[in-house]
Amino acid sequence: MTGSGRTIVLVVAVAAAGVIGTLIVAAALGVGAGERSDLLVLLVPAGIVTIIAAVLARSVLGRASMRARFVGVALLAAVIAIANIGVLTLRMTVSEHDATLVTVLLLYSAAAGVAGALAVARTSSSAVDRLGRAARRLGEGDLDARVGSLDAGPELDRLGATLDDMATKLQAAQQRERQAEAMRRDLITTVSHDLRTPLASLRAMVEAIDDGIVSDAASVTRYSGEMRRSVAQLSGMVDDLFELTQLDAGAIESETARADLEQLVADAMASVAVEAEAKGLNLVSAVDGVEGVRCSPRLARVLQNLLSNAVRHTPADGTVRVEASRLGDHVHLSVEDDGHGIAPDDIPRVFDPFFRGDPARSGPGAGLGLALAKRIVEALGGRISAETTRGSGARFAVELPLSVGLSPDPPNGS
């Protein structure tokens, strides 16, 4: 059914209800059946006229301003009432004196109604104007535009609140987009810079071998080692970038694979054992109460990144300590070194992608290791923090709930 059809049905229903209600009131007041019949004869044409007037008013006022609509409705009601009084007077149901008095009162009521309609329309029109101005400013890109409190009725107030909520969400989305764009630029700049060093080293060594500048076995062996190190560095950066993209895509939430936590700690320590031995570092582990705990395999990447970071920034003959323990329904992991520590001002930003603070803790790579560790831990429902220990080293602590990403082994060991 079209809008016009629904309007006509509504008007007919209201008019019919008015006729029936009038007859019921007349009967309740003791009006006789004959008089009710006469009243019905008057009410039926009056109802028809009312329906016609309402439909015409909709057609005339459909494109009018809100102020004109309110005034038109008030005048229409007064005109219909005066017309009814005129009909009753012609049928000698009401005396001319009484009709005159009632008409004067109706005219006064009409004037009062028009005044009230103008007052209400002014408030509503002002609210609509504010909504329009806010919408235009938003359309022009001013996401700070807000409607605020309208006090113009629940419908307009709800519309204003919806518009303000939309503006807030658009502003947040724009901010996220700007941050993503800034991160993208940082990514391109940082990765381009960090790729340049190992690629330049590889190119120089390959050219030296191809040109015959280096030909003795000892030098070729040394160059091969350096080339392997550069390739490993490049591979590590690519792996970090790929896994960071996977995390943004929500891969952790859908994975079901599980690994033994104790084994992950052992594997992570083995992955840095060669580098630690070359620097003369002492790797120490303390695992307590995590027997049988199963976890996401991605936790291995967290431990590897934290251990690699600790080994890289611990001076020769230093110590790197890994701890794992279970306390209630949480598992606690920590990696602690006795290196140069973290400057207090850098701690809040140490997990930001590409952040490089104290030169003493900078090194090869794109600065994604700690950022990647943080995203994995948070995706598993946990927390990660950094602090400078009482000595001069750094301590990274991870807390994970058993309910998300971790689970104790079932009793049958399956």
Protein backbone atom coordinates (compact mmCIF):
# COMPACT_ATOMS: atom_id res chain seq x y z
CA MET A 1 0.00 0.00 0.00
CA THR A 2 1.29 3.45 -0.94
CA GLY A 3 1.75 6.34 1.47
CA SER A 4 -1.42 8.07 0.22
CA GLY A 5 -3.45 4.89 0.63
CA ARG A 6 -2.26 4.40 4.19
CA THR A 7 -3.12 8.03 5.00
CA ILE A 8 -6.68 7.66 3.68
CA VAL A 9 -7.22 4.44 5.63
CA LEU A 10 -5.95 6.12 8.80
CA VAL A 11 -8.20 9.16 8.36
CA VAL A 12 -11.26 6.98 7.66
CA ALA A 13 -10.52 4.87 10.75
CA VAL A 14 -10.16 7.97 12.96
CA ALA A 15 -13.36 9.53 11.58
CA ALA A 16 -15.31 6.31 12.07
CA ALA A 17 -13.98 6.00 15.60
CA GLY A 18 -15.10 9.58 16.25
CA VAL A 19 -18.65 8.87 15.02
CA ILE A 20 -18.94 5.67 17.06
CA GLY A 21 -17.47 7.33 20.14
CA THR A 22 -19.95 10.22 19.87
CA LEU A 23 -22.91 7.85 19.68
CA ILE A 24 -21.65 5.89 22.68
CA VAL A 25 -21.27 9.08 24.74
CA ALA A 26 -24.76 10.19 23.70
CA ALA A 27 -26.23 6.89 24.82
CA ALA A 28 -24.36 7.12 28.12
CA LEU A 29 -25.82 10.59 28.68
CA GLY A 30 -29.37 9.27 28.20
CA VAL A 31 -30.03 10.59 24.70
CA GLY A 32 -32.98 8.75 23.17
CA ALA A 33 -32.81 6.43 20.20
CA GLY A 34 -34.60 8.89 17.94
CA GLU A 35 -32.27 11.71 18.80
CA ARG A 36 -29.28 9.39 18.31
CA SER A 37 -30.61 8.59 14.84
CA ASP A 38 -30.80 12.29 14.04
CA LEU A 39 -27.30 12.69 15.43
CA LEU A 40 -26.07 9.88 13.21
CA VAL A 41 -27.61 11.58 10.18
CA LEU A 42 -25.51 14.65 11.03
CA LEU A 43 -22.36 12.77 11.92
CA VAL A 44 -22.10 10.73 8.73
CA PRO A 45 -21.84 13.72 6.34
CA ALA A 46 -19.65 15.51 8.89
CA GLY A 47 -17.33 12.51 8.93
CA ILE A 48 -17.23 12.42 5.13
CA VAL A 49 -16.41 16.12 5.02
CA THR A 50 -13.71 15.58 7.64
CA ILE A 51 -12.13 12.79 5.58
CA ILE A 52 -12.17 14.91 2.43
CA ALA A 53 -10.72 17.89 4.32
CA ALA A 54 -7.94 15.76 5.86
CA VAL A 55 -6.96 14.27 2.48
CA LEU A 56 -6.95 17.71 0.85
CA ALA A 57 -4.92 19.10 3.76
CA ARG A 58 -2.35 16.33 3.28
CA SER A 59 -2.09 17.20 -0.39
CA VAL A 60 -1.81 20.94 0.25
CA LEU A 61 0.42 20.79 3.33
CA GLY A 62 2.54 17.84 2.17
CA ARG A 63 5.30 20.12 0.87
CA ALA A 64 4.74 23.01 3.25
CA SER A 65 7.10 24.00 6.03
CA MET A 66 6.69 22.58 9.50
CA ARG A 67 5.36 25.92 10.74
CA ALA A 68 2.71 26.03 7.99
CA ARG A 69 1.66 22.44 8.69
CA PHE A 70 1.06 23.07 12.38
CA VAL A 71 -0.92 26.27 11.70
CA GLY A 72 -2.90 24.54 8.92
CA VAL A 73 -3.93 21.68 11.20
CA ALA A 74 -5.04 24.10 13.93
CA LEU A 75 -7.11 26.14 11.44
CA LEU A 76 -8.58 23.02 9.87
CA ALA A 77 -9.86 21.80 13.22
CA ALA A 78 -11.44 25.19 13.94
CA VAL A 79 -13.07 25.41 10.49
CA ILE A 80 -14.60 21.93 10.84
CA ALA A 81 -15.96 22.77 14.29
CA ILE A 82 -17.49 26.05 13.07
CA ALA A 83 -19.02 24.26 10.07
CA ASN A 84 -20.63 21.73 12.39
CA ILE A 85 -22.07 24.53 14.51
CA GLY A 86 -23.45 26.12 11.32
CA VAL A 87 -25.16 22.87 10.30
CA LEU A 88 -26.69 22.44 13.74
CA THR A 89 -27.97 26.01 13.63
CA LEU A 90 -29.60 25.50 10.21
CA ARG A 91 -31.37 22.41 11.53
CA MET A 92 -32.66 24.45 14.48
CA THR A 93 -30.83 22.13 16.87
CA VAL A 94 -28.91 25.08 18.30
CA SER A 95 -30.27 28.63 18.66
CA GLU A 96 -28.61 31.43 16.74
CA HIS A 97 -27.59 33.13 20.00
CA ASP A 98 -25.91 30.00 21.32
CA ALA A 99 -24.31 29.36 17.93
CA THR A 100 -22.87 32.87 17.89
CA LEU A 101 -21.38 32.46 21.33
CA VAL A 102 -19.90 29.06 20.49
CA THR A 103 -18.51 30.39 17.20
CA VAL A 104 -16.82 33.30 18.98
CA LEU A 105 -15.32 30.87 21.48
CA LEU A 106 -14.17 28.64 18.63
CA LEU A 107 -12.55 31.59 16.88
CA TYR A 108 -10.72 32.43 20.09
CA SER A 109 -9.72 28.79 20.47
CA ALA A 110 -8.51 28.77 16.86
CA ALA A 111 -6.35 31.83 17.53
CA ALA A 112 -4.94 30.22 20.65
CA GLY A 113 -4.32 27.00 18.70
CA VAL A 114 -2.50 28.88 15.95
CA ALA A 115 -0.34 30.63 18.54
CA GLY A 116 0.48 27.32 20.20
CA ALA A 117 1.21 25.72 16.81
CA LEU A 118 3.59 28.57 15.94
CA ALA A 119 5.39 28.19 19.27
CA VAL A 120 5.77 24.42 18.88
CA ALA A 121 6.73 24.76 15.23
CA ARG A 122 9.42 27.27 16.10
CA THR A 123 11.06 24.83 18.49
CA SER A 124 10.83 21.96 16.02
CA SER A 125 12.00 24.09 13.09
CA SER A 126 14.99 25.30 15.09
CA ALA A 127 15.87 21.70 15.94
CA VAL A 128 15.57 20.63 12.31
CA ASP A 129 17.74 23.57 11.26
CA ARG A 130 20.41 22.49 13.74
CA LEU A 131 20.22 18.94 12.41
CA GLY A 132 20.59 20.23 8.85
CA ARG A 133 23.58 22.44 9.70
CA ALA A 134 25.33 19.60 11.50
CA ALA A 135 24.66 17.23 8.60
CA ARG A 136 26.04 19.75 6.09
CA ARG A 137 29.20 20.27 8.13
CA LEU A 138 29.68 16.52 8.36
CA GLY A 139 29.14 16.23 4.62
CA GLU A 140 31.82 18.88 4.08
CA GLY A 141 34.29 16.86 6.13
CA ASP A 142 34.03 18.66 9.49
CA LEU A 143 33.77 15.62 11.77
CA ASP A 144 33.87 17.83 14.87
CA ALA A 145 30.30 18.98 14.11
CA ARG A 146 27.75 17.91 16.73
CA VAL A 147 24.03 18.55 17.20
CA GLY A 148 24.02 18.49 20.99
CA SER A 149 20.86 18.61 23.12
CA LEU A 150 17.78 19.67 21.14
CA ASP A 151 14.95 19.43 23.73
CA ALA A 152 12.52 19.16 20.80
CA GLY A 153 10.75 15.92 21.58
CA PRO A 154 11.90 12.30 21.73
CA GLU A 155 11.92 11.75 17.94
CA LEU A 156 14.12 14.73 17.06
CA ASP A 157 16.26 14.19 20.16
CA ARG A 158 16.82 10.58 19.09
CA LEU A 159 17.69 11.68 15.57
CA GLY A 160 20.20 14.22 16.93
CA ALA A 161 21.78 11.61 19.20
CA THR A 162 22.04 9.19 16.26
CA LEU A 163 23.71 11.85 14.12
CA ASP A 164 26.19 12.69 16.90
CA ASP A 165 26.95 9.01 17.42
CA MET A 166 27.54 8.59 13.69
CA ALA A 167 29.89 11.61 13.70
CA THR A 168 31.84 10.15 16.63
CA LYS A 169 32.21 6.80 14.84
CA LEU A 170 33.26 8.52 11.61
CA GLN A 171 35.82 10.54 13.53
CA ALA A 172 37.21 7.39 15.16
CA ALA A 173 37.31 5.63 11.80
CA GLN A 174 39.13 8.57 10.25
CA GLN A 175 41.64 8.56 13.09
CA ARG A 176 42.23 4.84 12.63
CA GLU A 177 42.67 5.38 8.92
CA ARG A 178 45.20 8.14 9.52
CA GLN A 179 47.09 5.96 11.98
CA ALA A 180 47.08 3.08 9.50
CA GLU A 181 48.34 5.39 6.77
CA ALA A 182 51.07 6.74 9.04
CA MET A 183 52.01 3.18 9.97
CA ARG A 184 52.10 2.21 6.30
CA ARG A 185 54.46 5.10 5.53
CA ASP A 186 56.61 4.18 8.51
CA LEU A 187 56.61 0.57 7.36
CA ILE A 188 57.76 1.45 3.85
CA THR A 189 60.42 3.86 5.14
CA THR A 190 61.72 1.60 7.89
CA VAL A 191 61.69 -1.64 5.93
CA SER A 192 63.28 0.05 2.93
CA HIS A 193 66.04 1.38 5.18
CA ASP A 194 66.57 -1.93 6.98
CA LEU A 195 66.55 -3.95 3.78
CA ARG A 196 69.24 -1.74 2.30
CA THR A 197 71.97 -2.85 4.73
CA PRO A 198 71.77 -6.65 4.31
CA LEU A 199 71.08 -6.32 0.56
CA ALA A 200 74.08 -4.04 0.10
CA SER A 201 76.22 -6.47 2.09
CA LEU A 202 75.00 -9.43 0.02
CA ARG A 203 75.57 -7.56 -3.22
CA ALA A 204 79.11 -6.55 -2.26
CA MET A 205 80.07 -10.08 -1.21
CA VAL A 206 78.51 -11.73 -4.29
CA GLU A 207 80.29 -9.26 -6.59
CA ALA A 208 83.60 -9.85 -4.75
CA ILE A 209 83.27 -13.60 -5.29
CA ASP A 210 82.09 -13.26 -8.92
CA ASP A 211 84.89 -10.82 -9.79
CA GLY A 212 87.50 -13.12 -8.27
CA ILE A 213 88.50 -10.56 -5.64
CA VAL A 214 87.88 -13.22 -3.02
CA SER A 215 89.00 -16.68 -4.05
CA ASP A 216 90.82 -18.33 -1.16
CA ALA A 217 88.84 -20.92 0.78
CA ALA A 218 89.05 -19.15 4.12
CA SER A 219 87.66 -15.87 2.72
CA VAL A 220 84.93 -17.65 0.76
CA THR A 221 83.92 -19.52 3.92
CA ARG A 222 83.82 -16.26 5.88
CA TYR A 223 81.81 -14.55 3.12
CA SER A 224 79.40 -17.50 3.04
CA GLY A 225 78.80 -17.09 6.77
CA GLU A 226 78.16 -13.38 6.38
CA MET A 227 75.82 -14.02 3.45
CA ARG A 228 73.94 -16.61 5.49
CA ARG A 229 73.59 -14.08 8.32
CA SER A 230 72.25 -11.42 5.95
CA VAL A 231 69.77 -13.86 4.42
CA ALA A 232 68.60 -14.88 7.90
CA GLN A 233 68.11 -11.22 8.78
CA LEU A 234 66.06 -10.63 5.63
CA SER A 235 64.04 -13.79 6.26
CA GLY A 236 63.32 -12.73 9.82
CA MET A 237 62.00 -9.35 8.71
CA VAL A 238 59.78 -10.92 6.05
CA ASP A 239 58.43 -13.45 8.58
CA ASP A 240 57.63 -10.66 11.06
CA LEU A 241 55.80 -8.65 8.41
CA PHE A 242 53.85 -11.69 7.20
CA GLU A 243 52.81 -12.73 10.70
CA LEU A 244 51.86 -9.16 11.64
CA THR A 245 49.53 -9.13 8.63
CA GLN A 246 48.03 -12.45 9.68
CA LEU A 247 47.33 -11.09 13.15
CA ASP A 248 45.52 -8.10 11.68
CA ALA A 249 43.38 -10.55 9.72
CA GLY A 250 42.33 -12.32 12.95
CA ALA A 251 44.10 -15.61 12.25
CA ILE A 252 44.67 -16.42 15.93
CA GLU A 253 40.95 -16.34 16.75
CA SER A 254 40.20 -19.20 14.33
CA GLU A 255 43.17 -21.49 14.98
CA THR A 256 42.76 -24.70 16.97
CA ALA A 257 46.34 -26.11 17.03
CA ARG A 258 47.96 -26.58 20.45
CA ALA A 259 51.55 -27.20 21.60
CA ASP A 260 53.19 -28.17 24.88
CA LEU A 261 54.27 -25.05 26.77
CA GLU A 262 57.36 -26.66 28.34
CA GLN A 263 58.52 -27.78 24.92
CA LEU A 264 58.00 -24.31 23.47
CA VAL A 265 60.20 -22.82 26.20
CA ALA A 266 62.91 -25.38 25.46
CA ASP A 267 62.67 -24.81 21.71
CA ALA A 268 62.81 -21.03 22.11
CA MET A 269 65.97 -21.29 24.22
CA ALA A 270 67.52 -23.65 21.66
CA SER A 271 66.80 -21.13 18.88
CA VAL A 272 69.11 -18.54 20.52
CA ALA A 273 71.64 -20.95 22.01
CA VAL A 274 74.20 -20.53 19.24
CA GLU A 275 74.11 -16.73 19.39
CA ALA A 276 74.23 -16.79 23.20
CA GLU A 277 77.19 -19.16 23.20
CA ALA A 278 79.04 -16.95 20.72
CA LYS A 279 78.68 -14.04 23.16
CA GLY A 280 79.47 -16.15 26.20
CA LEU A 281 76.02 -15.65 27.70
CA ASN A 282 74.51 -17.86 30.35
CA LEU A 283 70.97 -19.08 29.47
CA VAL A 284 68.94 -20.04 32.55
CA SER A 285 65.39 -21.41 32.71
CA ALA A 286 63.03 -22.02 35.62
CA VAL A 287 59.81 -23.86 34.76
CA ASP A 288 57.40 -24.57 37.61
CA GLY A 289 53.86 -25.92 37.58
CA VAL A 290 53.21 -25.72 33.82
CA GLU A 291 53.48 -29.45 33.18
CA GLY A 292 50.79 -30.54 30.74
CA VAL A 293 49.73 -27.01 29.83
CA ARG A 294 48.87 -26.72 26.14
CA CYS A 295 49.07 -23.38 24.32
CA SER A 296 48.87 -21.72 20.94
CA PRO A 297 51.96 -22.50 18.81
CA ARG A 298 52.24 -18.75 18.20
CA LEU A 299 53.48 -18.35 21.76
CA ALA A 300 56.76 -19.81 20.47
CA ARG A 301 57.17 -16.65 18.37
CA VAL A 302 56.65 -14.50 21.45
CA LEU A 303 59.33 -16.35 23.41
CA GLN A 304 61.74 -16.35 20.48
CA ASN A 305 61.34 -12.62 19.93
CA LEU A 306 61.79 -11.82 23.62
CA LEU A 307 64.81 -14.11 23.95
CA SER A 308 66.40 -12.85 20.73
CA ASN A 309 65.91 -9.29 21.97
CA ALA A 310 67.45 -10.15 25.36
CA VAL A 311 70.45 -11.98 23.86
CA ARG A 312 71.10 -9.17 21.40
CA HIS A 313 71.17 -6.51 24.13
CA THR A 314 73.03 -8.40 26.85
CA PRO A 315 76.78 -7.79 27.01
CA ALA A 316 79.26 -10.65 26.87
CA ASP A 317 79.35 -12.99 29.89
CA GLY A 318 75.87 -11.78 30.92
CA THR A 319 72.82 -13.85 31.87
CA VAL A 320 69.42 -14.28 30.24
CA ARG A 321 66.78 -15.93 32.42
CA VAL A 322 63.46 -17.47 31.33
CA GLU A 323 60.75 -18.30 33.86
CA ALA A 324 57.39 -20.04 33.45
CA SER A 325 54.94 -20.69 36.26
CA ARG A 326 51.26 -21.29 36.83
CA LEU A 327 49.32 -19.26 39.39
CA GLY A 328 45.63 -20.09 39.70
CA ASP A 329 43.98 -19.83 36.30
CA HIS A 330 46.87 -17.88 34.76
CA VAL A 331 50.29 -18.76 33.37
CA HIS A 332 53.16 -16.31 33.89
CA LEU A 333 56.17 -16.11 31.60
CA SER A 334 59.13 -13.75 31.85
CA VAL A 335 62.41 -13.09 30.05
CA GLU A 336 64.99 -11.11 31.99
CA ASP A 337 68.47 -9.93 31.01
CA ASP A 338 71.24 -7.96 32.70
CA GLY A 339 71.92 -5.72 29.74
CA HIS A 340 71.53 -1.96 29.41
CA GLY A 341 67.88 -1.74 30.50
CA ILE A 342 65.16 0.48 29.07
CA ALA A 343 64.91 4.23 29.56
CA PRO A 344 61.80 5.11 31.64
CA ASP A 345 60.49 7.39 28.88
CA ASP A 346 60.75 4.57 26.35
CA ILE A 347 58.83 1.92 28.31
CA PRO A 348 55.32 3.13 27.24
CA ARG A 349 56.39 2.95 23.57
CA VAL A 350 58.64 -0.08 23.56
CA PHE A 351 55.91 -2.26 21.99
CA ASP A 352 55.03 0.25 19.25
CA PRO A 353 55.83 -0.95 15.72
CA PHE A 354 59.09 0.50 14.35
CA PHE A 355 59.93 2.20 17.65
CA ARG A 356 63.62 2.58 18.35
CA GLY A 357 64.49 4.31 21.56
CA ASP A 358 67.80 4.02 23.35
CA PRO A 359 70.54 3.31 20.78
CA ALA A 360 71.91 0.80 23.24
CA ARG A 361 68.82 -1.34 22.60
CA SER A 362 68.61 -0.83 18.84
CA GLY A 363 69.81 -3.36 16.36
CA PRO A 364 69.08 -5.03 13.03
CA GLY A 365 65.48 -5.60 11.99
CA ALA A 366 62.47 -3.41 11.37
CA GLY A 367 61.54 -2.97 15.02
CA LEU A 368 58.58 -5.37 14.73
CA GLY A 369 59.60 -8.13 17.16
CA LEU A 370 58.16 -6.63 20.35
CA ALA A 371 55.12 -5.24 18.53
CA LEU A 372 54.43 -8.70 17.13
CA ALA A 373 54.84 -10.28 20.58
CA LYS A 374 52.36 -7.81 22.07
CA ARG A 375 49.73 -8.46 19.40
CA ILE A 376 50.00 -12.23 19.80
CA VAL A 377 49.71 -12.05 23.59
CA GLU A 378 46.72 -9.70 23.46
CA ALA A 379 45.04 -11.83 20.79
CA LEU A 380 45.38 -14.76 23.22
CA GLY A 381 43.63 -12.70 25.90
CA GLY A 382 46.76 -11.92 27.90
CA ARG A 383 48.97 -8.99 28.86
CA ILE A 384 52.63 -8.17 28.27
CA SER A 385 54.70 -5.56 30.06
CA ALA A 386 58.27 -4.27 30.18
CA GLU A 387 60.33 -2.83 33.00
CA THR A 388 63.90 -2.07 33.95
CA THR A 389 65.08 -4.36 36.74
CA ARG A 390 66.68 -3.19 39.95
CA GLY A 391 70.06 -3.73 38.36
CA SER A 392 70.57 -2.51 34.83
CA GLY A 393 68.71 -5.09 32.76
CA ALA A 394 65.24 -5.38 31.29
CA ARG A 395 62.40 -7.75 32.16
CA PHE A 396 59.49 -8.62 29.88
CA ALA A 397 56.56 -10.34 31.60
CA VAL A 398 53.65 -12.17 29.96
CA GLU A 399 50.44 -13.20 31.71
CA LEU A 400 47.98 -15.50 29.92
CA PRO A 401 44.63 -16.91 31.11
CA LEU A 402 44.16 -20.65 30.87
CA SER A 403 40.71 -20.07 29.37
CA VAL A 404 42.00 -18.42 26.17
CA GLY A 405 44.85 -19.79 24.06
CA LEU A 406 46.00 -22.04 26.92
CA SER A 407 44.54 -25.20 28.37
CA PRO A 408 45.67 -27.90 30.77
CA ASP A 409 46.21 -31.33 29.29
CA PRO A 410 43.13 -33.60 29.59
CA PRO A 411 43.42 -36.34 32.22
CA ASN A 412 44.03 -39.07 29.63
CA GLY A 413 46.90 -37.08 28.13
CA SER A 414 45.30 -36.96 24.72
